[in-house]
Protein backbone atom coordinates (compact mmCIF):
# COMPACT_ATOMS: atom_id res chain seq x y z
CA MET A 1 22.22 -5.11 1.59
CA VAL A 2 22.57 -1.68 0.25
CA THR A 3 20.31 1.10 2.64
CA VAL A 4 17.60 3.22 0.93
CA PRO A 5 17.88 6.75 2.02
CA ALA A 6 14.47 7.72 3.07
CA SER A 7 12.58 9.42 0.43
CA SER A 8 11.73 13.06 0.84
CA GLY A 9 9.00 12.29 -1.84
CA ALA A 10 11.06 13.31 -4.64
CA ASN A 11 12.82 10.23 -6.51
CA THR A 12 16.19 10.43 -5.39
CA ASN A 13 16.71 6.44 -5.59
CA ARG A 14 16.57 5.17 -8.92
CA ILE A 15 19.70 4.00 -10.19
CA GLU A 16 19.29 3.59 -14.07
CA GLU A 17 16.54 0.76 -14.72
CA ARG A 18 17.18 -0.44 -10.96
CA LEU A 19 14.66 -0.77 -7.75
CA PRO A 20 15.50 -1.04 -4.26
CA ILE A 21 13.76 -4.72 -3.57
CA ASN A 22 13.15 -5.17 0.15
CA GLU A 23 11.42 -8.81 -0.78
CA LEU A 24 10.19 -10.42 -3.68
CA PHE A 25 7.92 -13.76 -3.11
CA TYR A 26 5.06 -15.62 -4.35
CA SER A 27 2.08 -15.87 -1.78
CA LEU A 28 -1.55 -15.33 -1.82
CA GLN A 29 -3.09 -12.26 -1.74
CA GLY A 30 -4.21 -10.95 1.84
CA GLU A 31 -6.05 -7.88 1.43
CA GLY A 32 -8.53 -6.59 -0.69
CA ARG A 33 -11.21 -7.35 -3.50
CA LEU A 34 -8.61 -10.33 -4.62
CA ALA A 35 -7.67 -11.48 -1.07
CA GLY A 36 -6.71 -15.51 -1.27
CA VAL A 37 -5.63 -15.01 -5.02
CA PRO A 38 -1.72 -16.71 -5.69
CA SER A 39 0.67 -13.89 -6.38
CA THR A 40 4.06 -12.54 -6.71
CA PHE A 41 5.05 -9.80 -4.81
CA VAL A 42 7.41 -6.95 -5.38
CA ARG A 43 7.56 -5.44 -2.50
CA THR A 44 10.09 -1.47 -3.00
CA SER A 45 11.44 0.05 0.09
CA GLY A 46 11.12 3.40 0.30
CA CYS A 47 7.98 5.76 1.20
CA ASN A 48 7.00 9.35 1.43
CA LEU A 49 5.13 8.94 4.82
CA ARG A 50 5.88 6.84 7.87
CA CYS A 51 2.81 5.31 9.59
CA TRP A 52 3.31 4.61 13.22
CA PHE A 53 1.25 1.02 12.60
CA CYS A 54 3.61 0.36 8.77
CA ASP A 55 3.81 -3.31 8.96
CA SER A 56 6.60 -2.84 6.44
CA TYR A 57 9.24 -1.55 8.73
CA HIS A 58 11.85 -1.99 6.44
CA THR A 59 10.30 0.02 3.45
CA SER A 60 9.25 2.85 5.74
CA TRP A 61 11.47 3.78 9.42
CA GLU A 62 14.59 1.57 7.86
CA PRO A 63 14.91 1.52 4.42
CA SER A 64 16.60 -1.31 3.05
CA GLY A 65 16.92 -3.87 0.02
CA ASP A 66 18.94 -4.71 -2.58
CA TRP A 67 19.34 -2.60 -5.82
CA THR A 68 18.27 -4.97 -8.52
CA THR A 69 17.42 -4.40 -12.70
CA VAL A 70 14.07 -4.38 -13.89
CA GLU A 71 15.07 -7.67 -16.07
CA GLU A 72 16.12 -9.85 -12.89
CA ILE A 73 13.15 -8.62 -10.92
CA PHE A 74 10.96 -10.01 -14.18
CA GLY A 75 13.25 -12.97 -14.69
CA GLU A 76 12.03 -13.85 -10.77
CA ILE A 77 8.52 -12.99 -11.34
CA GLU A 78 8.27 -15.71 -14.16
CA ASP A 79 10.38 -18.42 -12.09
CA HIS A 80 7.36 -17.80 -9.86
CA GLY A 81 4.29 -18.59 -12.78
CA ALA A 82 1.50 -16.71 -11.05
CA ASN A 83 -0.62 -14.49 -13.33
CA HIS A 84 -1.01 -11.92 -10.92
CA VAL A 85 1.35 -9.62 -9.42
CA VAL A 86 1.17 -6.73 -6.56
CA LEU A 87 3.98 -4.42 -6.34
CA THR A 88 3.84 -3.08 -3.43
CA GLY A 89 6.22 -1.19 -0.69
CA GLY A 90 6.66 1.35 0.75
CA GLU A 91 5.67 3.45 -1.69
CA PRO A 92 6.33 1.83 -5.09
CA LEU A 93 5.49 4.87 -7.05
CA ILE A 94 8.43 7.27 -6.23
CA HIS A 95 10.57 5.15 -8.00
CA ASP A 96 10.34 5.69 -11.74
CA ALA A 97 11.59 2.22 -12.86
CA SER A 98 8.36 1.08 -11.41
CA THR A 99 7.02 2.65 -14.47
CA GLU A 100 8.86 0.01 -16.85
CA LEU A 101 8.51 -3.03 -14.89
CA LEU A 102 4.82 -2.23 -14.46
CA GLU A 103 4.97 -1.65 -18.80
CA ARG A 104 7.03 -5.03 -19.13
CA LEU A 105 4.31 -6.84 -16.82
CA ALA A 106 1.39 -5.36 -19.17
CA GLU A 107 3.14 -5.99 -22.44
CA THR A 108 3.55 -9.80 -21.15
CA GLY A 109 -0.05 -10.26 -20.18
CA TYR A 110 0.17 -10.11 -16.68
CA HIS A 111 -2.47 -9.28 -13.91
CA THR A 112 -1.19 -6.06 -12.17
CA THR A 113 -2.32 -4.62 -8.66
CA VAL A 114 0.20 -1.57 -7.55
CA GLU A 115 -0.80 -1.16 -3.62
CA THR A 116 -0.14 3.08 -3.38
CA ASN A 117 -1.30 5.36 -0.57
CA GLY A 118 -2.47 7.73 -3.03
CA THR A 119 -0.39 10.45 -3.16
CA ILE A 120 1.49 10.08 -6.69
CA VAL A 121 -0.24 9.18 -9.99
CA PRO A 122 0.95 5.89 -11.96
CA ASP A 123 2.31 6.92 -15.52
CA ALA A 124 1.67 3.26 -16.48
CA PRO A 125 -0.52 0.50 -16.94
CA VAL A 126 -2.33 -0.87 -14.05
CA ASP A 127 -5.02 -3.66 -13.51
CA LEU A 128 -6.36 -2.58 -10.36
CA ALA A 129 -5.38 0.27 -8.08
CA SER A 130 -5.13 -0.68 -4.12
CA VAL A 131 -5.14 2.56 -2.69
CA SER A 132 -4.86 3.60 0.93
CA PRO A 133 -5.27 6.77 2.22
CA LYS A 134 -3.32 7.52 5.34
CA LEU A 135 -5.92 8.75 7.90
CA ALA A 136 -4.82 11.01 11.23
CA SER A 137 -4.65 8.22 13.18
CA SER A 138 -1.42 6.93 10.93
CA THR A 139 0.04 9.66 12.31
CA PRO A 140 3.35 9.09 14.13
CA THR A 141 3.08 11.55 16.86
CA PRO A 142 5.95 11.25 19.57
CA GLU A 143 4.38 8.87 21.62
CA LYS A 144 3.44 6.54 18.74
CA ASP A 145 6.62 6.94 16.84
CA PRO A 146 8.14 3.44 16.84
CA LYS A 147 11.99 5.47 17.28
CA GLY A 148 10.38 7.73 19.55
CA GLU A 149 11.33 11.01 18.16
CA GLY A 150 8.57 12.29 16.21
CA GLU A 151 10.28 13.97 13.86
CA TRP A 152 7.89 12.58 11.07
CA ALA A 153 4.90 13.62 12.46
CA GLU A 154 4.44 17.07 10.94
CA ARG A 155 6.08 16.01 7.66
CA HIS A 156 3.04 12.63 7.39
CA GLU A 157 0.31 14.90 8.52
CA ALA A 158 1.09 17.14 5.74
CA ARG A 159 1.55 14.74 3.24
CA ARG A 160 -0.69 11.98 3.56
CA ILE A 161 -3.54 12.98 1.82
CA ASP A 162 -3.44 14.30 -1.78
CA LEU A 163 -7.10 14.78 -3.19
CA ASP A 164 -6.35 15.55 -6.40
CA ALA A 165 -4.05 12.72 -6.79
CA LEU A 166 -6.66 10.40 -5.21
CA ALA A 167 -9.06 11.76 -7.63
CA ALA A 168 -6.84 11.32 -10.97
CA ILE A 169 -6.08 7.50 -9.60
CA CYS A 170 -9.92 6.87 -9.33
CA GLU A 171 -10.84 8.30 -12.41
CA ARG A 172 -7.37 6.61 -15.05
CA TYR A 173 -7.66 2.60 -13.09
CA ASP A 174 -10.00 0.31 -11.71
CA HIS A 175 -9.44 0.80 -7.76
CA GLN A 176 -10.29 -0.03 -4.37
CA LEU A 177 -9.91 2.49 -1.55
CA LYS A 178 -8.88 0.11 1.31
CA PHE A 179 -8.97 2.35 4.55
CA VAL A 180 -6.95 1.05 7.66
CA VAL A 181 -9.87 1.35 10.69
CA THR A 182 -8.77 1.45 14.41
CA ASP A 183 -11.48 2.14 15.54
CA ARG A 184 -15.63 4.08 15.20
CA GLU A 185 -13.20 7.45 15.33
CA ASP A 186 -11.89 6.91 11.86
CA MET A 187 -15.47 6.77 10.13
CA GLY A 188 -15.87 10.49 10.12
CA GLU A 189 -12.68 11.33 8.18
CA ILE A 190 -13.03 8.42 5.95
CA THR A 191 -16.85 9.23 5.19
CA ASP A 192 -15.87 13.02 4.97
CA LEU A 193 -12.82 11.79 2.55
CA LEU A 194 -15.22 10.56 0.27
CA ALA A 195 -17.93 13.17 0.19
CA ARG A 196 -14.73 15.69 -0.74
CA LEU A 197 -13.16 12.92 -3.32
CA GLY A 198 -16.86 12.27 -4.56
CA GLU A 199 -17.22 16.37 -5.82
CA GLN A 200 -14.32 15.51 -8.26
CA VAL A 201 -14.94 12.16 -9.24
CA SER A 202 -17.62 8.85 -8.77
CA ILE A 203 -16.87 6.83 -5.95
CA LYS A 204 -18.65 3.73 -5.50
CA ASP A 205 -19.46 2.33 -1.76
CA GLU A 206 -18.59 -1.49 -3.42
CA ASN A 207 -14.57 0.07 -3.73
CA VAL A 208 -14.85 1.30 -0.59
CA LEU A 209 -12.93 -1.19 2.06
CA LEU A 210 -12.44 -0.93 5.82
CA MET A 211 -9.38 -3.38 6.82
CA PRO A 212 -9.10 -3.69 10.80
CA GLU A 213 -5.36 -2.45 11.72
CA GLY A 214 -3.19 -4.90 12.75
CA ALA A 215 0.19 -6.89 11.99
CA THR A 216 0.27 -9.71 14.12
CA ARG A 217 -3.05 -12.28 14.87
CA LYS A 218 -3.49 -10.16 18.26
CA ARG A 219 -3.62 -7.17 17.35
CA LEU A 220 -6.54 -8.14 14.87
CA ASP A 221 -7.70 -9.80 17.64
CA ALA A 222 -8.46 -6.46 19.07
CA THR A 223 -9.83 -4.97 15.76
CA ARG A 224 -11.51 -7.11 13.46
CA GLY A 225 -15.00 -7.39 15.14
CA GLU A 226 -15.45 -3.51 15.49
CA VAL A 227 -14.23 -2.93 11.73
CA ALA A 228 -16.66 -5.83 10.43
CA GLU A 229 -19.39 -4.17 12.37
CA LEU A 230 -18.63 -0.42 11.15
CA ALA A 231 -18.77 -2.20 7.34
CA MET A 232 -22.08 -3.52 8.14
CA GLU A 233 -23.31 -0.70 9.41
CA TYR A 234 -22.10 1.76 6.47
CA GLY A 235 -22.67 -0.15 3.33
CA PHE A 236 -18.74 -0.41 2.88
CA ARG A 237 -16.82 -3.72 2.04
CA TYR A 238 -14.75 -5.98 4.97
CA THR A 239 -11.82 -6.26 3.68
CA PRO A 240 -9.52 -9.36 5.94
CA ARG A 241 -5.46 -9.84 6.03
CA LEU A 242 -5.29 -13.07 5.24
CA HIS A 243 -1.79 -12.91 5.24
CA VAL A 244 -1.66 -12.19 9.39
CA ASP A 245 -4.08 -14.81 9.72
CA LEU A 246 -2.52 -17.42 8.16
CA TRP A 247 1.24 -16.31 8.85
CA ASN A 248 1.08 -13.82 11.43
CA ASP A 249 3.94 -11.42 11.18
CA ALA A 250 6.35 -13.41 9.35
CA PRO A 251 8.41 -11.96 6.34
CA GLY A 252 7.94 -13.16 2.65
CA THR A 253 4.21 -13.89 3.28
């Protein structure tokens, strides 16, 4: 296992045509409009943000993974047999080799979803950009920092929203905007962001998804009801977290 340095936003991790792979597994897509679809997940390590509630701790707060060639990754994807491939992280788009992998998948006819925080515009074919803009409630304040240090709060807050990058992604790709919602207090920020984004690109309500915050069944039990009510109130989609409902917080799901 090779430790992956924490990213400052620039890609310093690339080693030729390799990606730092934290997990590569076959499961069901748990979130968004393709929830329930059998999928192969390619989870890279390294992220330019640090959400305090990150459900992939070992891709962000303590990033680790095995450097794996695109060819080896593609071979494992073929072995799983799913037509849908989810490139996720961490933030997979900080790695140049993600472009090479996405191009290879497109050439071979795979349907791809890229799960991204929306701060980096892809330069590759993507069938669905699953964009999760990070709200102020994601900032790792000293009280919420998993490491109890608070050193990432200022950097995370400064980087978490890039309106121009979000607009470019929504303009170029089929997309869904997936907001992790803790409670009603998040809605003002969501509607404000959508209004500002709407000044640059057309956003349909059907492409706005509200997802309850929670990486465990117990936490989801505390948030899903209110978030479902908010989705109905605002006319947005509600998205479940099927993988949490089915397997709790087990890795490789």
